[in-house]
Amino acid sequence: MKSDHPFTIGKAIVIRTVTMIQTGILKEVGKKELVLTDASWIADTGRLGEFLKEGPISDSAEVEPFPDGEVFVGRGAIIDAVHVEWKPSRETK
């Protein structure tokens, strides 16, 4: 059965919205939202290309973890989203 979205459940994802960037593990895709776990708000990625390849390793990267549990991101606010191979950081930087 073909999915109605291009996302892969269970994979790490970087989501850029109109105001911020979130990372996490994609738990669920609803009609109007994505549900993340192990999520963080990224205030500054440093060089975006490097961040997408390697995660928040740059000295300029800023990571603010959400509390444990689920985080909901409205699909209408998404500019772009990228599945990444690294584990989302939960360490405040």
Protein backbone atom coordinates (compact mmCIF):
# COMPACT_ATOMS: atom_id res chain seq x y z
CA MET A 1 0.00 0.00 0.00
CA LYS A 2 1.43 3.37 -1.02
CA SER A 3 1.79 5.99 1.70
CA ASP A 4 0.27 9.46 1.36
CA HIS A 5 3.54 11.09 2.40
CA PRO A 6 7.28 10.83 1.60
CA PHE A 7 8.46 10.42 5.22
CA THR A 8 9.99 7.34 6.84
CA ILE A 9 8.66 6.48 10.29
CA GLY A 10 11.42 5.68 12.81
CA LYS A 11 14.15 7.70 11.07
CA ALA A 12 15.90 10.80 12.34
CA ILE A 13 14.67 13.96 10.66
CA VAL A 14 15.55 17.65 10.45
CA ILE A 15 12.52 19.87 9.88
CA ARG A 16 12.88 23.51 8.89
CA THR A 17 9.78 25.60 9.50
CA VAL A 18 9.08 29.27 8.89
CA THR A 19 10.55 30.20 12.29
CA MET A 20 12.84 27.43 13.50
CA ILE A 21 14.43 24.02 13.03
CA GLN A 22 13.54 20.86 14.91
CA THR A 23 15.24 17.49 14.98
CA GLY A 24 13.98 14.20 16.33
CA ILE A 25 12.86 10.71 15.50
CA LEU A 26 9.74 10.64 13.33
CA LYS A 27 7.10 8.67 15.22
CA GLU A 28 3.96 9.40 13.24
CA VAL A 29 2.64 11.38 10.27
CA GLY A 30 -0.87 12.77 10.65
CA LYS A 31 -2.98 14.66 8.13
CA LYS A 32 -1.86 18.00 9.60
CA GLU A 33 1.15 17.24 11.77
CA LEU A 34 4.35 15.26 12.21
CA VAL A 35 4.98 13.68 15.60
CA LEU A 36 8.59 13.57 16.86
CA THR A 37 10.25 11.96 19.86
CA ASP A 38 13.76 12.70 21.18
CA ALA A 39 13.19 16.17 19.76
CA SER A 40 15.24 19.35 20.01
CA TRP A 41 14.88 22.92 18.78
CA ILE A 42 17.96 24.06 16.88
CA ALA A 43 18.53 27.80 17.29
CA ASP A 44 21.67 27.85 15.13
CA THR A 45 22.94 25.04 12.91
CA GLY A 46 26.25 26.58 11.90
CA ARG A 47 26.86 25.66 8.24
CA LEU A 48 23.61 23.98 7.16
CA GLY A 49 25.23 21.48 4.79
CA GLU A 50 27.66 20.31 7.47
CA PHE A 51 24.85 20.14 10.01
CA LEU A 52 22.74 17.94 7.71
CA LYS A 53 25.70 15.58 7.15
CA GLU A 54 27.08 15.36 10.68
CA GLY A 55 24.64 16.88 13.16
CA PRO A 56 25.20 19.70 15.65
CA ILE A 57 28.98 19.37 16.07
CA SER A 58 29.93 22.94 15.20
CA ASP A 59 30.89 25.35 18.00
CA SER A 60 28.20 27.70 16.72
CA ALA A 61 25.41 25.07 16.80
CA GLU A 62 22.78 25.73 19.47
CA VAL A 63 20.62 22.83 20.68
CA GLU A 64 17.68 23.15 23.08
CA PRO A 65 16.01 19.80 23.87
CA PHE A 66 12.25 19.61 24.22
CA PRO A 67 11.00 17.83 27.36
CA ASP A 68 10.74 14.05 27.03
CA GLY A 69 7.67 12.92 25.15
CA GLU A 70 6.09 13.82 21.84
CA VAL A 71 6.50 17.06 19.90
CA PHE A 72 4.00 18.02 17.19
CA VAL A 73 5.02 20.01 14.11
CA GLY A 74 2.29 21.38 11.85
CA ARG A 75 2.76 20.18 8.28
CA GLY A 76 1.58 23.55 6.97
CA ALA A 77 4.57 25.28 8.60
CA ILE A 78 7.20 23.03 6.99
CA ILE A 79 9.57 24.63 4.48
CA ASP A 80 11.63 21.48 4.01
CA ALA A 81 12.51 18.27 5.82
CA VAL A 82 15.47 15.94 5.48
CA HIS A 83 16.00 12.47 6.89
CA VAL A 84 19.50 12.24 8.36
CA GLU A 85 21.75 9.35 9.34
CA TRP A 86 22.90 10.76 12.70
CA LYS A 87 21.11 10.42 16.03
CA PRO A 88 19.39 13.66 17.08
CA SER A 89 21.24 15.44 19.89
CA ARG A 90 19.53 15.81 23.26
CA GLU A 91 22.48 17.66 24.77
CA THR A 92 22.07 21.39 25.37
CA LYS A 93 24.72 23.37 23.48
